Amino acid sequence: MQAEFRAPRRRARVQEEYEAPLPVSRDPEERSYYRAQLIHQHVLVCHPDHIQKIHNQGYFGKGILSRARPDHSISDQWEQHEGLFLPVISQARYEELLRWVSSALSAQGLDEEAVSQTLLRLSQPVEMEEVRREGGGGEDGEEEEEGPGPEGGVCPPTVKLRRGSGVEPEAKRSCRLDLNPEHHPDPSSDQDSDSGPDPDPDPDPDPDTDSDPGPDPDPVTPGPGFVLVVSDSEVCVGHREVRRSPLALTEDLQLSLEEAFFLVYSLGCLSVYLHQEPLSIIQLWRKFRSLRPDFVSSFAAYQHCRSRGWVPKEGGGAKYGVDFMLYRKGPPFYHASYSVVVERVDGAFRGSGLRRFSWRSLAALSRITSNVSKELMMCYIIYPADLSEAELDSPVCLSRLKVQEVIVSRWVSSRERAEQDDM
């Protein structure tokens, strides 16, 4: 008997249109191929076009700096200044960015005098004629890849903070960072680094994991961006100056292991690379199993929910002590309907999962879920008794697993009495 799914609760304000999910195609010529990198314990999509397609068509992954959609910018405030929209930041914030740049340039081998000259050029006010001239194209007449902004806006181009740039104290936020070539007195100092901070805002991963980030696959986009710096000093409060943006924060798309394997195995549209070499399906399956002891059960539940038209997301589940949150169509359109706990059981429903619920802990989890207007779903992955460890070493074992959903509801005595009185 399957669980009875209830209608989802639609969001009051929807800011975007629904885009059809990534298609399932068995014809290799009709497939779209996207690329991701396995870095430490995380799967990152770095190419901007791939990021937009993967996130928009199915809401896979999240930005490494954003809560969900990868749209982090150097500033959330924009203002029209002499006919152009520019991002607005405070003087204190601008000085903080300059300190990041100083640390990055020093880590790349520039001497103190060269760093000082670079920072001095960055902090000089810029005339609007120069903004309009440089806003339309980069070096050698090439078009800059500028992000979307308000009407007539000039968005900062992709100046990236790279791994290993030595920027502190924001290293764990790890945008990729590559400073503007024209700001380098010595172009040879602009080198990639193969080591550095983890590109995920979560705690540091296992240092023993054998995954070298390798060189950054994304091209460097030349040309500076511009910001409107608002003075916060007592002498000239509110005074505004246009200056060059020291860097533009761009982010990668981080996929969960389940999302990455679903795109590789179920949809066939993603290739995951390790040490610049693509991993086969078997290699990726074994790698993910080594990273997560419960990966087989977790992926079986994820694939089952996706096949029923739901969008499972990991991020929100951590707040409520569950494995997934289930959304209809996607987070921009509906509130999460279910909090999902994945449990591995045998044919007699005896569990061997990573957690063991007592009645008290289950009641507490149910109450938390109810308080946030969701329902608690126990998703049991049933393993046959004769399933061997050797069979689990291949995704073919998924065909032998069964999935059973159970909706856990709180019994409220006062509500029960009221219903009986009505009868």
Protein backbone atom coordinates (compact mmCIF):
# COMPACT_ATOMS: atom_id res chain seq x y z
CA MET A 1 0.00 0.00 0.00
CA GLN A 2 1.45 3.35 -1.06
CA ALA A 3 1.28 6.51 1.03
CA GLU A 4 -1.42 9.00 0.11
CA PHE A 5 0.20 12.18 -1.15
CA ARG A 6 -1.65 15.38 -0.39
CA ALA A 7 -1.87 18.47 -2.56
CA PRO A 8 1.10 20.82 -1.98
CA ARG A 9 0.77 24.34 -0.59
CA ARG A 10 1.58 26.90 -3.29
CA ARG A 11 3.72 29.93 -2.48
CA ALA A 12 1.91 33.26 -2.35
CA ARG A 13 4.45 35.01 -4.57
CA VAL A 14 6.07 33.22 -7.49
CA GLN A 15 8.84 35.24 -9.15
CA GLU A 16 9.72 32.93 -12.06
CA GLU A 17 8.22 30.70 -14.70
CA TYR A 18 8.38 26.94 -14.54
CA GLU A 19 10.87 25.41 -16.97
CA ALA A 20 10.48 21.82 -18.14
CA PRO A 21 12.83 19.37 -16.36
CA LEU A 22 15.85 17.86 -18.03
CA PRO A 23 14.60 15.20 -20.47
CA VAL A 24 15.33 11.49 -20.33
CA SER A 25 16.81 10.44 -23.68
CA ARG A 26 18.24 7.09 -24.71
CA ASP A 27 19.56 8.50 -27.96
CA PRO A 28 23.13 9.79 -27.40
CA GLU A 29 22.71 12.34 -30.21
CA GLU A 30 19.76 13.99 -28.45
CA ARG A 31 21.37 14.25 -25.03
CA SER A 32 22.84 17.33 -23.43
CA TYR A 33 26.17 16.75 -21.75
CA TYR A 34 27.22 18.74 -18.71
CA ARG A 35 30.40 18.56 -16.70
CA ALA A 36 31.09 18.52 -12.96
CA GLN A 37 34.17 18.07 -10.79
CA LEU A 38 34.50 15.81 -7.75
CA ILE A 39 36.43 17.92 -5.24
CA HIS A 40 36.99 16.36 -1.83
CA GLN A 41 33.50 15.06 -0.95
CA HIS A 42 31.58 17.48 -3.13
CA VAL A 43 30.43 17.58 -6.75
CA LEU A 44 30.74 21.07 -8.26
CA VAL A 45 29.48 22.37 -11.60
CA CYS A 46 31.63 25.32 -12.67
CA HIS A 47 30.59 26.25 -16.20
CA PRO A 48 28.00 29.10 -16.09
CA ASP A 49 25.82 27.66 -18.87
CA HIS A 50 25.83 24.23 -17.27
CA ILE A 51 24.94 25.75 -13.90
CA GLN A 52 21.89 27.52 -15.30
CA LYS A 53 20.60 24.49 -17.21
CA ILE A 54 21.05 22.01 -14.36
CA HIS A 55 19.53 24.27 -11.72
CA ASN A 56 16.67 25.70 -13.75
CA GLN A 57 15.57 22.39 -15.30
CA GLY A 58 14.87 20.34 -12.21
CA TYR A 59 16.29 22.50 -9.39
CA PHE A 60 19.33 20.33 -8.84
CA GLY A 61 21.98 21.61 -6.44
CA LYS A 62 22.54 24.95 -4.72
CA GLY A 63 25.00 27.81 -5.01
CA ILE A 64 27.99 27.51 -2.69
CA LEU A 65 27.37 31.06 -1.43
CA SER A 66 23.60 31.30 -1.79
CA ARG A 67 20.79 29.58 0.08
CA ALA A 68 19.50 27.97 -3.11
CA ARG A 69 19.71 29.60 -6.55
CA PRO A 70 23.32 30.40 -7.51
CA ASP A 71 22.86 34.15 -7.95
CA HIS A 72 25.17 35.62 -5.32
CA SER A 73 26.40 39.12 -6.19
CA ILE A 74 28.90 41.56 -4.72
CA SER A 75 25.91 43.59 -3.50
CA ASP A 76 22.15 43.16 -3.21
CA GLN A 77 21.57 46.91 -3.60
CA TRP A 78 21.66 48.71 -6.94
CA GLU A 79 21.27 52.42 -7.67
CA GLN A 80 20.96 54.52 -10.78
CA HIS A 81 23.92 56.85 -11.19
CA GLU A 82 24.11 59.15 -14.21
CA GLY A 83 22.01 56.82 -16.33
CA LEU A 84 23.58 53.50 -15.32
CA PHE A 85 22.62 51.03 -12.60
CA LEU A 86 25.57 50.10 -10.40
CA PRO A 87 25.90 47.88 -7.31
CA VAL A 88 26.16 49.90 -4.08
CA ILE A 89 28.55 49.00 -1.25
CA SER A 90 29.76 50.87 1.79
CA GLN A 91 33.26 52.24 2.24
CA ALA A 92 33.93 49.67 4.97
CA ARG A 93 32.87 46.82 2.68
CA TYR A 94 35.05 48.16 -0.13
CA GLU A 95 38.06 48.30 2.17
CA GLU A 96 37.37 44.72 3.22
CA LEU A 97 37.42 43.64 -0.43
CA LEU A 98 40.72 45.44 -0.88
CA ARG A 99 42.16 43.45 2.02
CA TRP A 100 41.07 40.22 0.32
CA VAL A 101 42.80 41.34 -2.87
CA SER A 102 45.93 42.27 -0.95
CA SER A 103 46.08 38.82 0.63
CA ALA A 104 45.47 37.14 -2.72
CA LEU A 105 48.18 39.11 -4.54
CA SER A 106 50.69 38.48 -1.76
CA ALA A 107 49.91 34.75 -1.91
CA GLN A 108 50.56 34.85 -5.67
CA GLY A 109 54.09 36.15 -5.09
CA LEU A 110 53.82 39.89 -5.67
CA ASP A 111 56.04 42.11 -3.54
CA GLU A 112 54.65 44.71 -1.16
CA GLU A 113 55.25 47.67 -3.47
CA ALA A 114 53.43 46.02 -6.40
CA VAL A 115 50.49 45.16 -4.15
CA SER A 116 50.31 48.74 -2.88
CA GLN A 117 50.33 50.15 -6.41
CA THR A 118 47.54 47.77 -7.45
CA LEU A 119 45.38 48.70 -4.48
CA LEU A 120 46.00 52.41 -5.12
CA ARG A 121 44.81 52.09 -8.73
CA LEU A 122 41.72 50.19 -7.63
CA SER A 123 40.71 52.74 -5.01
CA GLN A 124 40.89 55.77 -7.35
CA PRO A 125 37.52 57.30 -8.42
CA VAL A 126 36.50 56.54 -12.01
CA GLU A 127 34.77 58.94 -14.41
CA MET A 128 31.44 57.79 -15.86
CA GLU A 129 32.79 58.14 -19.41
CA GLU A 130 35.31 55.43 -18.59
CA VAL A 131 32.59 53.28 -17.05
CA ARG A 132 30.51 53.49 -20.22
CA ARG A 133 33.53 52.84 -22.42
CA GLU A 134 34.77 49.79 -20.54
CA GLY A 135 31.34 48.43 -19.65
CA GLY A 136 30.69 47.29 -23.20
CA GLY A 137 33.68 45.05 -23.78
CA GLY A 138 36.87 43.59 -22.39
CA GLU A 139 40.43 43.53 -23.61
CA ASP A 140 41.13 43.06 -27.33
CA GLY A 141 37.55 44.05 -28.11
CA GLU A 142 36.13 40.80 -26.77
CA GLU A 143 32.68 40.84 -25.26
CA GLU A 144 32.65 40.44 -21.49
CA GLU A 145 30.42 37.86 -19.87
CA GLU A 146 28.49 40.16 -17.58
CA GLY A 147 25.80 38.94 -15.26
CA PRO A 148 22.17 40.05 -15.61
CA GLY A 149 21.40 43.32 -13.91
CA PRO A 150 18.66 45.92 -13.81
CA GLU A 151 17.71 47.81 -16.95
CA GLY A 152 20.69 49.44 -18.55
CA GLY A 153 22.91 48.16 -15.78
CA VAL A 154 26.57 47.34 -15.83
CA CYS A 155 27.18 44.17 -13.87
CA PRO A 156 30.67 43.26 -12.75
CA PRO A 157 32.23 40.68 -15.07
CA THR A 158 33.54 37.35 -13.91
CA VAL A 159 36.63 38.11 -11.89
CA LYS A 160 37.12 34.93 -9.89
CA LEU A 161 38.44 34.07 -6.49
CA ARG A 162 40.34 30.85 -7.03
CA ARG A 163 41.02 28.05 -4.62
CA GLY A 164 44.36 28.44 -2.94
CA SER A 165 44.41 32.23 -3.15
CA GLY A 166 45.02 32.49 0.56
CA VAL A 167 42.17 34.90 1.22
CA GLU A 168 41.23 35.07 4.90
CA PRO A 169 39.05 35.14 6.90
CA GLU A 170 36.50 34.25 4.19
CA ALA A 171 38.40 31.26 2.82
CA LYS A 172 35.64 28.78 3.55
CA ARG A 173 33.21 30.76 1.38
CA SER A 174 35.61 30.01 -1.46
CA CYS A 175 34.53 31.68 -4.58
CA ARG A 176 37.02 31.04 -7.30
CA LEU A 177 39.28 34.02 -7.50
CA ASP A 178 41.33 35.29 -10.37
CA LEU A 179 42.23 38.93 -10.20
CA ASN A 180 42.02 41.19 -13.18
CA PRO A 181 44.99 40.70 -15.55
CA GLU A 182 45.41 44.42 -16.09
CA HIS A 183 45.82 44.85 -12.33
CA HIS A 184 48.86 42.53 -12.32
CA PRO A 185 52.22 44.25 -12.77
CA ASP A 186 53.60 40.78 -13.54
CA PRO A 187 51.20 38.66 -15.64
CA SER A 188 53.22 35.54 -14.93
CA SER A 189 52.15 35.69 -11.29
CA ASP A 190 48.54 34.80 -12.19
CA GLN A 191 48.77 31.06 -11.67
CA ASP A 192 46.22 28.51 -10.55
CA SER A 193 46.79 26.62 -7.33
CA ASP A 194 46.01 22.94 -6.85
CA SER A 195 45.29 23.20 -3.17
CA GLY A 196 43.43 25.48 -0.87
CA PRO A 197 40.23 25.90 1.08
CA ASP A 198 37.26 23.65 0.57
CA PRO A 199 34.76 25.20 -1.86
CA ASP A 200 31.86 24.33 0.41
CA PRO A 201 30.63 26.36 3.38
CA ASP A 202 30.22 23.19 5.44
CA PRO A 203 32.87 21.92 7.86
CA ASP A 204 36.17 20.72 6.43
CA PRO A 205 35.93 17.36 4.68
CA ASP A 206 38.01 14.32 5.42
CA PRO A 207 41.60 15.26 4.56
CA ASP A 208 42.34 11.68 3.56
CA THR A 209 39.98 11.80 0.58
CA ASP A 210 42.06 11.31 -2.56
CA SER A 211 40.73 14.10 -4.72
CA ASP A 212 42.96 16.85 -6.03
CA PRO A 213 40.99 19.86 -7.26
CA GLY A 214 43.33 20.28 -10.20
CA PRO A 215 43.39 23.37 -12.38
CA ASP A 216 40.26 25.47 -12.65
CA PRO A 217 38.50 24.55 -15.92
CA ASP A 218 36.74 27.90 -16.37
CA PRO A 219 38.24 30.62 -18.60
CA VAL A 220 39.27 33.92 -17.04
CA THR A 221 37.11 36.83 -18.15
CA PRO A 222 39.18 40.04 -18.46
CA GLY A 223 38.03 43.54 -17.63
CA PRO A 224 37.08 45.27 -14.38
CA GLY A 225 33.62 45.82 -12.98
CA PHE A 226 32.43 48.98 -11.25
CA VAL A 227 30.73 49.72 -7.94
CA LEU A 228 29.20 52.76 -6.30
CA VAL A 229 31.01 53.29 -2.99
CA VAL A 230 29.03 55.16 -0.32
CA SER A 231 31.14 56.97 2.25
CA ASP A 232 30.29 56.29 5.89
CA SER A 233 32.61 58.87 7.43
CA GLU A 234 31.27 61.71 9.56
CA VAL A 235 32.79 64.33 7.24
CA CYS A 236 30.96 63.32 4.05
CA VAL A 237 28.11 60.98 4.95
CA GLY A 238 26.36 59.60 1.86
CA HIS A 239 29.04 60.81 -0.59
CA ARG A 240 29.22 58.46 -3.58
CA GLU A 241 32.15 57.59 -5.81
CA VAL A 242 32.38 55.17 -8.71
CA ARG A 243 35.35 52.85 -8.33
CA ARG A 244 36.60 49.68 -9.89
CA SER A 245 35.35 46.52 -8.27
CA PRO A 246 38.37 44.66 -6.84
CA LEU A 247 36.69 41.33 -7.57
CA ALA A 248 33.33 39.90 -8.53
CA LEU A 249 32.01 37.04 -6.45
CA THR A 250 30.84 34.22 -8.69
CA GLU A 251 29.82 30.85 -7.37
CA ASP A 252 29.72 27.26 -8.46
CA LEU A 253 26.74 24.93 -8.23
CA GLN A 254 27.15 22.21 -5.60
CA LEU A 255 25.31 18.94 -6.21
CA SER A 256 24.58 16.38 -3.54
CA LEU A 257 25.86 12.87 -4.22
CA GLU A 258 22.31 11.71 -4.95
CA GLU A 259 21.67 14.57 -7.37
CA ALA A 260 24.95 14.00 -9.19
CA PHE A 261 24.41 10.25 -9.60
CA PHE A 262 20.81 10.79 -10.70
CA LEU A 263 22.01 13.14 -13.47
CA VAL A 264 24.70 10.65 -14.49
CA TYR A 265 22.85 7.34 -14.16
CA SER A 266 19.14 8.10 -14.54
CA LEU A 267 19.23 11.03 -16.99
CA GLY A 268 22.59 10.42 -18.65
CA CYS A 269 23.34 14.13 -19.06
CA LEU A 270 26.27 14.70 -16.67
CA SER A 271 29.91 13.60 -16.56
CA VAL A 272 31.78 13.80 -13.27
CA TYR A 273 35.54 14.29 -13.44
CA LEU A 274 38.22 13.42 -10.91
CA HIS A 275 41.84 14.49 -11.58
CA GLN A 276 40.58 15.78 -14.96
CA GLU A 277 39.47 12.26 -15.94
CA PRO A 278 35.79 11.30 -16.36
CA LEU A 279 34.51 8.63 -14.00
CA SER A 280 32.46 5.73 -15.31
CA ILE A 281 29.11 4.90 -13.73
CA ILE A 282 30.62 1.98 -11.80
CA GLN A 283 33.57 4.10 -10.62
CA LEU A 284 31.24 6.89 -9.50
CA TRP A 285 28.93 4.45 -7.69
CA ARG A 286 31.82 2.91 -5.76
CA LYS A 287 33.31 6.32 -5.02
CA PHE A 288 30.05 7.63 -3.60
CA ARG A 289 29.57 4.46 -1.54
CA SER A 290 33.00 4.98 -0.02
CA LEU A 291 32.11 8.58 0.85
CA ARG A 292 28.70 7.79 2.32
CA PRO A 293 27.89 4.46 4.05
CA ASP A 294 24.16 4.97 3.45
CA PHE A 295 24.44 6.09 -0.17
CA VAL A 296 22.63 3.06 -1.66
CA SER A 297 19.53 3.57 0.49
CA SER A 298 19.63 7.34 0.14
CA PHE A 299 19.89 7.23 -3.64
CA ALA A 300 17.12 4.62 -3.91
CA ALA A 301 14.82 6.96 -1.97
CA TYR A 302 15.93 9.99 -4.02
CA GLN A 303 15.33 8.25 -7.34
CA HIS A 304 11.94 7.00 -6.16
CA CYS A 305 10.81 10.51 -5.17
CA ARG A 306 12.04 12.00 -8.44
CA SER A 307 10.21 9.31 -10.41
CA ARG A 308 6.96 10.37 -8.72
CA GLY A 309 7.39 14.00 -9.75
CA TRP A 310 8.78 15.42 -6.51
CA VAL A 311 11.95 17.48 -6.06
CA PRO A 312 13.95 16.21 -3.05
CA LYS A 313 16.31 18.73 -1.47
CA GLU A 314 18.87 17.96 1.22
CA GLY A 315 19.59 21.47 2.51
CA GLY A 316 16.33 22.11 4.33
CA GLY A 317 16.25 18.61 5.79
CA ALA A 318 19.27 19.29 7.97
CA LYS A 319 17.32 21.98 9.85
CA TYR A 320 14.59 19.53 10.83
CA GLY A 321 16.65 16.39 11.43
CA VAL A 322 15.54 14.52 8.30
CA ASP A 323 17.19 13.39 5.06
CA PHE A 324 15.12 15.20 2.41
CA MET A 325 12.45 17.83 1.99
CA LEU A 326 10.00 17.12 -0.84
CA TYR A 327 8.80 19.94 -3.11
CA ARG A 328 6.26 19.82 -5.87
CA LYS A 329 7.78 21.22 -9.10
CA GLY A 330 10.47 23.08 -7.15
CA PRO A 331 11.15 25.37 -4.15
CA PRO A 332 10.21 28.62 -6.00
CA PHE A 333 6.63 27.41 -6.58
CA TYR A 334 5.56 25.37 -3.56
CA HIS A 335 6.43 25.04 0.09
CA ALA A 336 7.95 21.71 1.07
CA SER A 337 5.17 19.21 1.69
CA TYR A 338 7.04 16.36 3.38
CA SER A 339 10.04 15.79 5.60
CA VAL A 340 11.53 12.44 4.62
CA VAL A 341 13.50 10.03 6.78
CA VAL A 342 15.20 7.20 4.87
CA GLU A 343 15.51 3.87 6.68
CA ARG A 344 17.05 0.61 5.50
CA VAL A 345 15.08 -2.50 6.50
CA ASP A 346 14.86 -6.16 5.57
CA GLY A 347 11.79 -8.06 4.40
CA ALA A 348 10.47 -8.27 7.98
CA PHE A 349 10.93 -4.48 8.46
CA ARG A 350 13.81 -4.96 10.86
CA GLY A 351 16.03 -1.93 10.54
CA SER A 352 19.79 -1.79 10.17
CA GLY A 353 20.06 1.92 9.42
CA LEU A 354 22.37 4.55 10.83
CA ARG A 355 19.74 5.89 13.27
CA ARG A 356 17.45 4.07 15.66
CA PHE A 357 14.27 5.88 16.65
CA SER A 358 12.71 5.58 20.06
CA TRP A 359 9.06 6.50 20.54
CA ARG A 360 10.19 9.72 22.21
CA SER A 361 12.56 10.78 19.42
CA LEU A 362 10.00 9.87 16.75
CA ALA A 363 7.30 11.88 18.55
CA ALA A 364 9.66 14.85 18.84
CA LEU A 365 10.51 14.70 15.13
CA SER A 366 6.83 14.43 14.23
CA ARG A 367 6.01 17.45 16.38
CA ILE A 368 8.79 19.55 14.80
CA THR A 369 7.57 18.62 11.33
CA SER A 370 3.97 19.48 12.23
CA ASN A 371 5.00 22.86 13.65
CA VAL A 372 6.46 23.87 10.27
CA SER A 373 3.30 22.76 8.39
CA LYS A 374 4.78 19.64 6.87
CA GLU A 375 4.17 15.92 7.18
CA LEU A 376 6.69 13.35 8.28
CA MET A 377 7.31 10.52 5.83
CA MET A 378 9.25 7.38 6.67
CA CYS A 379 10.73 6.04 3.45
CA TYR A 380 11.72 2.40 4.00
CA ILE A 381 14.21 0.85 1.58
CA ILE A 382 13.56 -2.90 1.70
CA TYR A 383 16.61 -5.09 1.02
CA PRO A 384 16.00 -8.73 0.02
CA ALA A 385 17.59 -11.26 2.33
CA ASP A 386 19.74 -12.79 -0.41
CA LEU A 387 21.24 -9.48 -1.59
CA SER A 388 25.01 -9.86 -1.29
CA GLU A 389 27.66 -7.22 -0.69
CA ALA A 390 29.07 -7.93 -4.16
CA GLU A 391 25.72 -7.00 -5.74
CA LEU A 392 25.71 -3.72 -3.82
CA ASP A 393 28.93 -2.80 -5.61
CA SER A 394 26.94 -2.00 -8.76
CA PRO A 395 23.88 0.22 -9.34
CA VAL A 396 22.16 -2.81 -10.87
CA CYS A 397 21.19 -3.71 -7.29
CA LEU A 398 18.66 -0.85 -7.34
CA SER A 399 16.26 -3.04 -9.33
CA ARG A 400 16.07 -5.48 -6.39
CA LEU A 401 15.30 -2.86 -3.76
CA LYS A 402 11.72 -1.97 -2.86
CA VAL A 403 10.49 1.33 -1.47
CA GLN A 404 7.65 1.74 1.00
CA GLU A 405 6.43 5.14 2.24
CA VAL A 406 4.66 5.58 5.57
CA ILE A 407 3.14 8.90 6.63
CA VAL A 408 3.54 9.52 10.37
CA SER A 409 0.74 11.62 11.86
CA ARG A 410 0.33 12.97 15.38
CA TRP A 411 -2.75 11.86 17.26
CA VAL A 412 -4.29 14.86 19.02
CA SER A 413 -6.85 13.77 21.61
CA SER A 414 -8.77 17.06 21.66
CA ARG A 415 -9.17 16.97 17.87
CA GLU A 416 -10.33 13.36 18.06
CA ARG A 417 -13.00 14.21 20.64
CA ALA A 418 -14.20 17.17 18.56
CA GLU A 419 -14.61 14.94 15.51
CA GLN A 420 -16.59 12.40 17.54
CA ASP A 421 -18.86 15.14 18.89
CA ASP A 422 -19.57 16.34 15.35
CA MET A 423 -20.66 12.84 14.41
